[in-house]
C-alpha atoms as a PDB file:
ATOM      1  CA  MET A   1      33.602  40.335   2.715  1.00  0.00           C
ATOM      2  CA  SER A   2      37.208  39.195   2.526  1.00  0.00           C
ATOM      3  CA  ARG A   3      38.173  35.574   1.968  1.00  0.00           C
ATOM      4  CA  SER A   4      39.383  35.284   5.537  1.00  0.00           C
ATOM      5  CA  GLY A   5      36.125  36.791   6.791  1.00  0.00           C
ATOM      6  CA  ALA A   6      34.049  34.388   4.679  1.00  0.00           C
ATOM      7  CA  ALA A   7      36.098  31.433   5.900  1.00  0.00           C
ATOM      8  CA  SER A   8      35.670  32.597   9.496  1.00  0.00           C
ATOM      9  CA  LEU A   9      31.895  32.906   9.019  1.00  0.00           C
ATOM     10  CA  ARG A  10      31.679  29.409   7.502  1.00  0.00           C
ATOM     11  CA  SER A  11      33.673  28.015  10.416  1.00  0.00           C
ATOM     12  CA  LEU A  12      31.371  29.727  12.900  1.00  0.00           C
ATOM     13  CA  GLN A  13      28.283  28.437  11.108  1.00  0.00           C
ATOM     14  CA  ARG A  14      29.618  24.876  11.098  1.00  0.00           C
ATOM     15  CA  SER A  15      30.430  25.069  14.794  1.00  0.00           C
ATOM     16  CA  PHE A  16      26.946  26.361  15.504  1.00  0.00           C
ATOM     17  CA  ALA A  17      25.382  23.587  13.415  1.00  0.00           C
ATOM     18  CA  ARG A  18      27.421  20.882  15.171  1.00  0.00           C
ATOM     19  CA  ALA A  19      26.366  22.221  18.549  1.00  0.00           C
ATOM     20  CA  MET A  20      22.712  22.480  17.520  1.00  0.00           C
ATOM     21  CA  PHE A  21      22.538  19.041  15.879  1.00  0.00           C
ATOM     22  CA  SER A  22      24.264  17.339  18.830  1.00  0.00           C
ATOM     23  CA  PRO A  23      22.812  18.802  22.040  1.00  0.00           C
ATOM     24  CA  GLU A  24      24.633  16.220  24.126  1.00  0.00           C
ATOM     25  CA  ARG A  25      27.984  17.752  23.158  1.00  0.00           C
ATOM     26  CA  THR A  26      29.640  20.493  25.202  1.00  0.00           C
ATOM     27  CA  ILE A  27      29.784  23.801  23.370  1.00  0.00           C
ATOM     28  CA  ALA A  28      33.271  24.173  21.926  1.00  0.00           C
ATOM     29  CA  PRO A  29      35.409  26.873  23.611  1.00  0.00           C
ATOM     30  CA  SER A  30      36.269  28.325  20.185  1.00  0.00           C
ATOM     31  CA  LEU A  31      32.555  28.908  19.544  1.00  0.00           C
ATOM     32  CA  ARG A  32      32.140  30.568  22.921  1.00  0.00           C
ATOM     33  CA  ARG A  33      35.005  32.965  22.185  1.00  0.00           C
ATOM     34  CA  ARG A  34      33.507  33.971  18.834  1.00  0.00           C
ATOM     35  CA  ILE A  35      30.248  35.116  20.380  1.00  0.00           C
ATOM     36  CA  ALA A  36      31.474  38.430  21.651  1.00  0.00           C
ATOM     37  CA  GLY A  37      30.509  39.751  25.061  1.00  0.00           C
ATOM     38  CA  ARG A  38      28.973  36.519  26.350  1.00  0.00           C
ATOM     39  CA  SER A  39      30.219  34.448  29.232  1.00  0.00           C
ATOM     40  CA  ALA A  40      30.699  30.726  28.702  1.00  0.00           C
ATOM     41  CA  SER A  41      27.711  29.876  30.905  1.00  0.00           C
ATOM     42  CA  VAL A  42      25.406  32.221  28.971  1.00  0.00           C
ATOM     43  CA  VAL A  43      26.573  30.797  25.642  1.00  0.00           C
ATOM     44  CA  ASP A  44      26.042  27.238  26.867  1.00  0.00           C
ATOM     45  CA  ALA A  45      22.543  28.072  28.092  1.00  0.00           C
ATOM     46  CA  ARG A  46      21.485  29.881  24.929  1.00  0.00           C
ATOM     47  CA  MET A  47      22.949  27.275  22.615  1.00  0.00           C
ATOM     48  CA  ALA A  48      21.120  24.620  24.615  1.00  0.00           C
ATOM     49  CA  VAL A  49      17.847  26.442  23.932  1.00  0.00           C
ATOM     50  CA  TYR A  50      18.507  26.255  20.179  1.00  0.00           C
ATOM     51  CA  SER A  51      19.670  22.643  20.193  1.00  0.00           C
ATOM     52  CA  HIS A  52      16.824  21.313  22.330  1.00  0.00           C
ATOM     53  CA  ALA A  53      14.233  23.298  20.371  1.00  0.00           C
ATOM     54  CA  TYR A  54      15.644  21.865  17.138  1.00  0.00           C
ATOM     55  CA  ALA A  55      15.431  18.298  18.444  1.00  0.00           C
ATOM     56  CA  ALA A  56      11.955  18.873  19.891  1.00  0.00           C
ATOM     57  CA  ARG A  57      10.677  20.167  16.559  1.00  0.00           C
ATOM     58  CA  LEU A  58      11.957  17.101  14.725  1.00  0.00           C
ATOM     59  CA  VAL A  59      10.402  14.810  17.331  1.00  0.00           C
ATOM     60  CA  GLU A  60       7.104  16.634  16.697  1.00  0.00           C
ATOM     61  CA  VAL A  61       7.489  15.935  12.976  1.00  0.00           C
ATOM     62  CA  LEU A  62       7.961  12.217  13.686  1.00  0.00           C
ATOM     63  CA  ALA A  63       4.955  12.191  16.023  1.00  0.00           C
ATOM     64  CA  GLY A  64       2.841  13.763  13.273  1.00  0.00           C
ATOM     65  CA  ASP A  65       3.933  11.232  10.656  1.00  0.00           C
ATOM     66  CA  TYR A  66       3.755   8.217  12.970  1.00  0.00           C
ATOM     67  CA  GLY A  67       0.729   8.863  15.136  1.00  0.00           C
ATOM     68  CA  ALA A  68      -0.337   5.226  15.369  1.00  0.00           C
ATOM     69  CA  LEU A  69       3.197   4.127  16.272  1.00  0.00           C
ATOM     70  CA  ARG A  70       3.329   6.772  18.980  1.00  0.00           C
ATOM     71  CA  SER A  71       0.084   5.395  20.392  1.00  0.00           C
ATOM     72  CA  MET A  72       1.312   1.794  20.238  1.00  0.00           C
ATOM     73  CA  LEU A  73       4.633   2.471  21.957  1.00  0.00           C
ATOM     74  CA  GLU A  74       3.258   5.042  24.408  1.00  0.00           C
ATOM     75  CA  GLU A  75       4.662   8.538  24.798  1.00  0.00           C
ATOM     76  CA  ASP A  76       7.878   7.924  26.722  1.00  0.00           C
ATOM     77  CA  VAL A  77       9.038   4.945  24.632  1.00  0.00           C
ATOM     78  CA  PHE A  78       8.231   6.734  21.364  1.00  0.00           C
ATOM     79  CA  ALA A  79      10.137   9.812  22.569  1.00  0.00           C
ATOM     80  CA  TRP A  80      13.161   7.663  23.443  1.00  0.00           C
ATOM     81  CA  TYR A  81      13.279   6.155  19.948  1.00  0.00           C
ATOM     82  CA  ALA A  82      12.543   9.524  18.318  1.00  0.00           C
ATOM     83  CA  HIS A  83      15.384  11.357  20.077  1.00  0.00           C
ATOM     84  CA  ARG A  84      17.810   8.596  19.154  1.00  0.00           C
ATOM     85  CA  TYR A  85      16.618   8.815  15.548  1.00  0.00           C
ATOM     86  CA  VAL A  86      17.102  12.600  15.492  1.00  0.00           C
ATOM     87  CA  ALA A  87      20.658  12.171  16.794  1.00  0.00           C
ATOM     88  CA  ALA A  88      21.418   9.458  14.217  1.00  0.00           C
ATOM     89  CA  HIS A  89      19.669  11.145  11.261  1.00  0.00           C
ATOM     90  CA  PRO A  90      19.658  14.958  11.580  1.00  0.00           C
ATOM     91  CA  SER A  91      17.535  16.647   8.945  1.00  0.00           C
ATOM     92  CA  ARG A  92      19.457  17.332   5.719  1.00  0.00           C
ATOM     93  CA  HIS A  93      16.600  18.490   3.490  1.00  0.00           C
ATOM     94  CA  PRO A  94      14.402  21.627   3.643  1.00  0.00           C
ATOM     95  CA  ASN A  95      11.270  19.500   3.136  1.00  0.00           C
ATOM     96  CA  LEU A  96      10.455  17.844   6.471  1.00  0.00           C
ATOM     97  CA  ASN A  97       8.130  15.395   4.709  1.00  0.00           C
ATOM     98  CA  ARG A  98      11.243  13.332   4.008  1.00  0.00           C
ATOM     99  CA  PHE A  99      12.695  13.464   7.492  1.00  0.00           C
ATOM    100  CA  GLY A 100      11.089  10.321   8.917  1.00  0.00           C
ATOM    101  CA  ALA A 101      11.641   8.095   5.870  1.00  0.00           C
ATOM    102  CA  ARG A 102      14.368   6.041   7.557  1.00  0.00           C
ATOM    103  CA  LEU A 103      12.511   5.442  10.813  1.00  0.00           C
ATOM    104  CA  PRO A 104      11.301   1.878   9.988  1.00  0.00           C
ATOM    105  CA  ALA A 105      14.851   0.782   9.130  1.00  0.00           C
ATOM    106  CA  PHE A 106      16.138   2.550  12.241  1.00  0.00           C
ATOM    107  CA  LEU A 107      13.614   0.735  14.439  1.00  0.00           C
ATOM    108  CA  ARG A 108      14.652  -2.581  12.907  1.00  0.00           C
ATOM    109  CA  ARG A 109      18.292  -1.864  13.719  1.00  0.00           C
ATOM    110  CA  GLU A 110      17.279  -0.916  17.252  1.00  0.00           C
ATOM    111  CA  ARG A 111      15.534  -4.292  17.589  1.00  0.00           C
ATOM    112  CA  ALA A 112      12.130  -2.741  18.207  1.00  0.00           C
ATOM    113  CA  PRO A 113       9.191  -5.199  18.293  1.00  0.00           C
ATOM    114  CA  ARG A 114       8.292  -6.458  14.838  1.00  0.00           C
ATOM    115  CA  ARG A 115       4.742  -5.123  14.950  1.00  0.00           C
ATOM    116  CA  ALA A 116       6.139  -1.648  15.748  1.00  0.00           C
ATOM    117  CA  VAL A 117       8.511  -1.851  12.767  1.00  0.00           C
ATOM    118  CA  ASP A 118       5.646  -2.975  10.513  1.00  0.00           C
ATOM    119  CA  LEU A 119       3.348  -0.255  11.820  1.00  0.00           C
ATOM    120  CA  ALA A 120       6.043   2.312  10.985  1.00  0.00           C
ATOM    121  CA  ARG A 121       6.385   0.805   7.495  1.00  0.00           C
ATOM    122  CA  PHE A 122       2.614   1.044   7.045  1.00  0.00           C
ATOM    123  CA  GLU A 123       2.470   4.686   8.123  1.00  0.00           C
ATOM    124  CA  LEU A 124       5.447   5.566   5.916  1.00  0.00           C
ATOM    125  CA  ALA A 125       3.693   3.954   2.934  1.00  0.00           C
ATOM    126  CA  LEU A 126       0.605   6.076   3.611  1.00  0.00           C
ATOM    127  CA  THR A 127       2.740   9.230   3.755  1.00  0.00           C
ATOM    128  CA  ARG A 128       4.483   8.332   0.504  1.00  0.00           C
ATOM    129  CA  ALA A 129       1.156   7.569  -1.170  1.00  0.00           C
ATOM    130  CA  PHE A 130      -0.207  10.945  -0.126  1.00  0.00           C
ATOM    131  CA  ASP A 131       2.884  12.736  -1.490  1.00  0.00           C
ATOM    132  CA  ALA A 132       3.058  10.735  -4.742  1.00  0.00           C
ATOM    133  CA  PRO A 133       2.435  12.548  -8.046  1.00  0.00           C
ATOM    134  CA  TYR A 134      -1.166  12.436  -9.207  1.00  0.00           C
ATOM    135  CA  GLU A 135      -2.161  10.785 -12.470  1.00  0.00           C
ATOM    136  CA  GLU A 136      -5.759  10.497 -13.676  1.00  0.00           C
ATOM    137  CA  PRO A 137      -6.968   6.895 -13.204  1.00  0.00           C
ATOM    138  CA  MET A 138      -8.637   4.919 -15.944  1.00  0.00           C
ATOM    139  CA  ALA A 139     -12.425   5.050 -15.767  1.00  0.00           C
ATOM    140  CA  PRO A 140     -13.477   1.759 -14.127  1.00  0.00           C
ATOM    141  CA  ASP A 141     -16.551   1.374 -16.352  1.00  0.00           C
ATOM    142  CA  VAL A 142     -14.609   1.669 -19.644  1.00  0.00           C
ATOM    143  CA  PRO A 143     -13.528  -1.755 -20.975  1.00  0.00           C
ATOM    144  CA  LEU A 144      -9.840  -2.293 -21.650  1.00  0.00           C
ATOM    145  CA  ALA A 145     -10.864  -3.558 -25.104  1.00  0.00           C
ATOM    146  CA  LEU A 146      -7.510  -5.180 -25.776  1.00  0.00           C
ATOM    147  CA  PRO A 147      -7.354  -7.752 -28.564  1.00  0.00           C
ATOM    148  CA  ALA A 148      -5.961 -11.113 -27.483  1.00  0.00           C
ATOM    149  CA  ALA A 149      -2.818 -10.539 -29.524  1.00  0.00           C
ATOM    150  CA  ARG A 150      -1.982  -7.467 -27.404  1.00  0.00           C
ATOM    151  CA  TRP A 151      -1.995  -9.288 -24.066  1.00  0.00           C
ATOM    152  CA  ALA A 152       1.482 -10.678 -24.636  1.00  0.00           C
ATOM    153  CA  THR A 153       2.992  -7.177 -24.838  1.00  0.00           C
ATOM    154  CA  ALA A 154       0.484  -4.821 -23.176  1.00  0.00           C
ATOM    155  CA  ARG A 155       1.497  -3.302 -19.847  1.00  0.00           C
ATOM    156  CA  LEU A 156      -0.824  -1.585 -17.416  1.00  0.00           C
ATOM    157  CA  VAL A 157       0.438   1.755 -16.078  1.00  0.00           C
ATOM    158  CA  VAL A 158       0.071   1.621 -12.311  1.00  0.00           C
ATOM    159  CA  ASN A 159      -0.845   4.627 -10.175  1.00  0.00           C
ATOM    160  CA  PRO A 160       2.470   6.055  -8.812  1.00  0.00           C
ATOM    161  CA  SER A 161       1.145   5.941  -5.246  1.00  0.00           C
ATOM    162  CA  VAL A 162       0.628   2.156  -5.225  1.00  0.00           C
ATOM    163  CA  GLN A 163       2.722   0.187  -2.709  1.00  0.00           C
ATOM    164  CA  ILE A 164       2.299  -3.474  -1.756  1.00  0.00           C
ATOM    165  CA  LEU A 165       3.403  -4.482   1.730  1.00  0.00           C
ATOM    166  CA  ARG A 166       3.645  -7.700   3.699  1.00  0.00           C
ATOM    167  CA  LEU A 167       2.889  -6.778   7.308  1.00  0.00           C
ATOM    168  CA  SER A 168       2.088  -8.461  10.579  1.00  0.00           C
ATOM    169  CA  ALA A 169      -1.668  -8.654  11.038  1.00  0.00           C
ATOM    170  CA  ALA A 170      -1.200  -7.205  14.531  1.00  0.00           C
ATOM    171  CA  ALA A 171       0.214  -3.984  13.050  1.00  0.00           C
ATOM    172  CA  VAL A 172      -2.599  -3.655  10.500  1.00  0.00           C
ATOM    173  CA  ASP A 173      -5.256  -4.325  13.143  1.00  0.00           C
ATOM    174  CA  PHE A 174      -3.729  -1.802  15.518  1.00  0.00           C
ATOM    175  CA  HIS A 175      -3.719   0.867  12.827  1.00  0.00           C
ATOM    176  CA  ALA A 176      -7.388   0.198  12.060  1.00  0.00           C
ATOM    177  CA  ALA A 177      -8.255   0.420  15.778  1.00  0.00           C
ATOM    178  CA  TRP A 178      -6.236   3.631  16.142  1.00  0.00           C
ATOM    179  CA  ARG A 179      -8.113   5.211  13.229  1.00  0.00           C
ATOM    180  CA  ARG A 180     -11.375   4.386  14.999  1.00  0.00           C
ATOM    181  CA  GLY A 181     -10.100   6.123  18.124  1.00  0.00           C
ATOM    182  CA  ASP A 182      -9.386   2.920  20.076  1.00  0.00           C
ATOM    183  CA  THR A 183      -6.027   3.412  21.829  1.00  0.00           C
ATOM    184  CA  SER A 184      -6.250   0.346  24.035  1.00  0.00           C
ATOM    185  CA  ARG A 185      -3.177  -1.205  22.295  1.00  0.00           C
ATOM    186  CA  ALA A 186      -5.073  -4.496  22.272  1.00  0.00           C
ATOM    187  CA  PRO A 187      -7.332  -4.561  19.188  1.00  0.00           C
ATOM    188  CA  SER A 188      -9.903  -7.321  19.244  1.00  0.00           C
ATOM    189  CA  PRO A 189     -10.050  -9.845  17.771  1.00  0.00           C
ATOM    190  CA  LYS A 190      -6.318 -10.416  17.496  1.00  0.00           C
ATOM    191  CA  ARG A 191      -4.958 -11.976  14.336  1.00  0.00           C
ATOM    192  CA  ALA A 192      -1.732 -13.905  14.032  1.00  0.00           C
ATOM    193  CA  GLY A 193       0.561 -14.163  11.037  1.00  0.00           C
ATOM    194  CA  ASP A 194       1.066 -11.800   8.114  1.00  0.00           C
ATOM    195  CA  VAL A 195      -1.235 -10.068   5.660  1.00  0.00           C
ATOM    196  CA  TYR A 196      -0.660  -8.363   2.300  1.00  0.00           C
ATOM    197  CA  VAL A 197      -1.851  -4.776   1.932  1.00  0.00           C
ATOM    198  CA  VAL A 198      -1.962  -2.370  -1.011  1.00  0.00           C
ATOM    199  CA  VAL A 199      -1.734   1.345  -0.176  1.00  0.00           C
ATOM    200  CA  PHE A 200      -2.785   3.946  -2.756  1.00  0.00           C
ATOM    201  CA  ARG A 201      -4.182   7.427  -3.331  1.00  0.00           C
ATOM    202  CA  THR A 202      -6.778   8.739  -5.752  1.00  0.00           C
ATOM    203  CA  ASP A 203      -7.456  12.491  -5.762  1.00  0.00           C
ATOM    204  CA  ASP A 204      -6.941  13.433  -2.106  1.00  0.00           C
ATOM    205  CA  ARG A 205      -8.197  10.105  -0.734  1.00  0.00           C
ATOM    206  CA  LEU A 206      -5.854   7.554   0.788  1.00  0.00           C
ATOM    207  CA  GLY A 207      -6.846   3.925   0.458  1.00  0.00           C
ATOM    208  CA  ARG A 208      -5.628   0.632   1.810  1.00  0.00           C
ATOM    209  CA  ARG A 209      -6.926  -2.838   1.047  1.00  0.00           C
ATOM    210  CA  GLU A 210      -5.876  -6.315   2.125  1.00  0.00           C
ATOM    211  CA  LEU A 211      -4.970  -8.758  -0.635  1.00  0.00           C
ATOM    212  CA  ALA A 212      -4.709 -12.496  -1.020  1.00  0.00           C
ATOM    213  CA  ARG A 213      -1.089 -13.515  -1.511  1.00  0.00           C
ATOM    214  CA  ALA A 214      -1.692 -14.470  -5.165  1.00  0.00           C
ATOM    215  CA  ALA A 215      -3.341 -11.085  -5.769  1.00  0.00           C
ATOM    216  CA  ALA A 216      -0.382  -9.313  -4.152  1.00  0.00           C
ATOM    217  CA  ASP A 217       2.046 -11.238  -6.371  1.00  0.00           C
ATOM    218  CA  LEU A 218       0.043 -10.352  -9.484  1.00  0.00           C
ATOM    219  CA  LEU A 219      -0.188  -6.676  -8.589  1.00  0.00           C
ATOM    220  CA  ARG A 220       3.561  -6.579  -7.830  1.00  0.00           C
ATOM    221  CA  ALA A 221       4.254  -8.035 -11.274  1.00  0.00           C
ATOM    222  CA  LEU A 222       2.150  -5.285 -12.865  1.00  0.00           C
ATOM    223  CA  VAL A 223       3.919  -2.598 -10.820  1.00  0.00           C
ATOM    224  CA  ARG A 224       7.236  -3.942 -12.120  1.00  0.00           C
ATOM    225  CA  GLY A 225       6.012  -3.542 -15.688  1.00  0.00           C
ATOM    226  CA  ARG A 226       5.387  -7.194 -16.564  1.00  0.00           C
ATOM    227  CA  PRO A 227       3.147  -7.697 -19.624  1.00  0.00           C
ATOM    228  CA  LEU A 228      -0.366  -8.863 -18.840  1.00  0.00           C
ATOM    229  CA  THR A 229       0.112 -12.408 -20.119  1.00  0.00           C
ATOM    230  CA  ALA A 230       3.346 -12.920 -18.186  1.00  0.00           C
ATOM    231  CA  ALA A 231       1.867 -11.400 -15.030  1.00  0.00           C
ATOM    232  CA  VAL A 232      -1.279 -13.529 -15.089  1.00  0.00           C
ATOM    233  CA  GLU A 233       0.311 -16.853 -16.039  1.00  0.00           C
ATOM    234  CA  ASN A 234       1.647 -17.434 -12.513  1.00  0.00           C
ATOM    235  CA  VAL A 235      -1.744 -16.971 -10.849  1.00  0.00           C
ATOM    236  CA  PRO A 236      -3.091 -20.250  -9.381  1.00  0.00           C
ATOM    237  CA  PRO A 237      -5.922 -21.878 -11.373  1.00  0.00           C
ATOM    238  CA  GLY A 238      -9.362 -20.817 -10.227  1.00  0.00           C
ATOM    239  CA  ALA A 239      -8.215 -17.542  -8.683  1.00  0.00           C
ATOM    240  CA  PRO A 240     -10.818 -14.744  -9.089  1.00  0.00           C
ATOM    241  CA  VAL A 241      -8.618 -12.627 -11.357  1.00  0.00           C
ATOM    242  CA  ASP A 242     -11.555 -10.793 -12.947  1.00  0.00           C
ATOM    243  CA  ASP A 243     -12.803  -9.754  -9.506  1.00  0.00           C
ATOM    244  CA  TRP A 244      -9.339  -8.525  -8.532  1.00  0.00           C
ATOM    245  CA  PHE A 245      -9.030  -6.392 -11.647  1.00  0.00           C
ATOM    246  CA  ALA A 246     -12.532  -4.996 -11.176  1.00  0.00           C
ATOM    247  CA  GLN A 247     -11.697  -3.954  -7.616  1.00  0.00           C
ATOM    248  CA  TRP A 248      -8.325  -2.462  -8.574  1.00  0.00           C
ATOM    249  CA  ARG A 249      -9.884  -0.453 -11.366  1.00  0.00           C
ATOM    250  CA  ALA A 250     -12.615   0.761  -9.011  1.00  0.00           C
ATOM    251  CA  ASP A 251      -9.847   1.841  -6.598  1.00  0.00           C
ATOM    252  CA  GLY A 252      -8.093   3.764  -9.381  1.00  0.00           C
ATOM    253  CA  LEU A 253      -4.920   1.702  -9.358  1.00  0.00           C
ATOM    254  CA  PHE A 254      -4.370   1.889 -13.128  1.00  0.00           C
ATOM    255  CA  THR A 255      -3.831   5.035 -15.186  1.00  0.00           C
ATOM    256  CA  GLY A 256      -3.363   3.647 -18.710  1.00  0.00           C
ATOM    257  CA  VAL A 257      -2.138   0.896 -21.015  1.00  0.00           C
ATOM    258  CA  LEU A 258       1.138   0.775 -22.917  1.00  0.00           C
END
């Protein structure tokens, strides 16, 4: 193919992509002319099929990743947000697992209800946990056996899937009700305020567990690589630290010690 032919093909492909990614736009006359033997009305109609199918497929991807949010907002409201998201963030990566990653931030910018934003954040964290690389967790029944002198420098290696979130209790309760098959959008009993949640994966099992604020702060410090002594020293006196560590090890949140 000549240089001029290659340049012409690239131009045609870009025009096609612009038309497909932006179905609200009129098909450019130059693109119509390049599709030989077709009238303008036929080109418009056939391009519309491609563009609307493209958008519909991406909306389906969002609905699959954010099933609880779709249930909370109801079909028509979710579709309205989803189509606006597709227009604002067309897919740029061959792996559609990444496509919906900016939806929580998008909903915040669109001034969606806070519990909807938090529910989207929760579902995104679950997706990321499921896709995180797997590392064998430490056996929960094997003692750490660290001498006291090592606590000042020892760091626990945290499972790559671990994420700690502060969420509205209403969002967490709705997600739990949705998992049970309750789509009433009014989980009972209602809780006010915020809760702290850790999301994680071991093998092919997704887990989530609510945390006390002090436990969330401690686990965040460990995720950031703080040494054990430095991480624990900010825990309030009397906090059940041993119980927290026992539960986290049972959940497979640690994979080693440095």
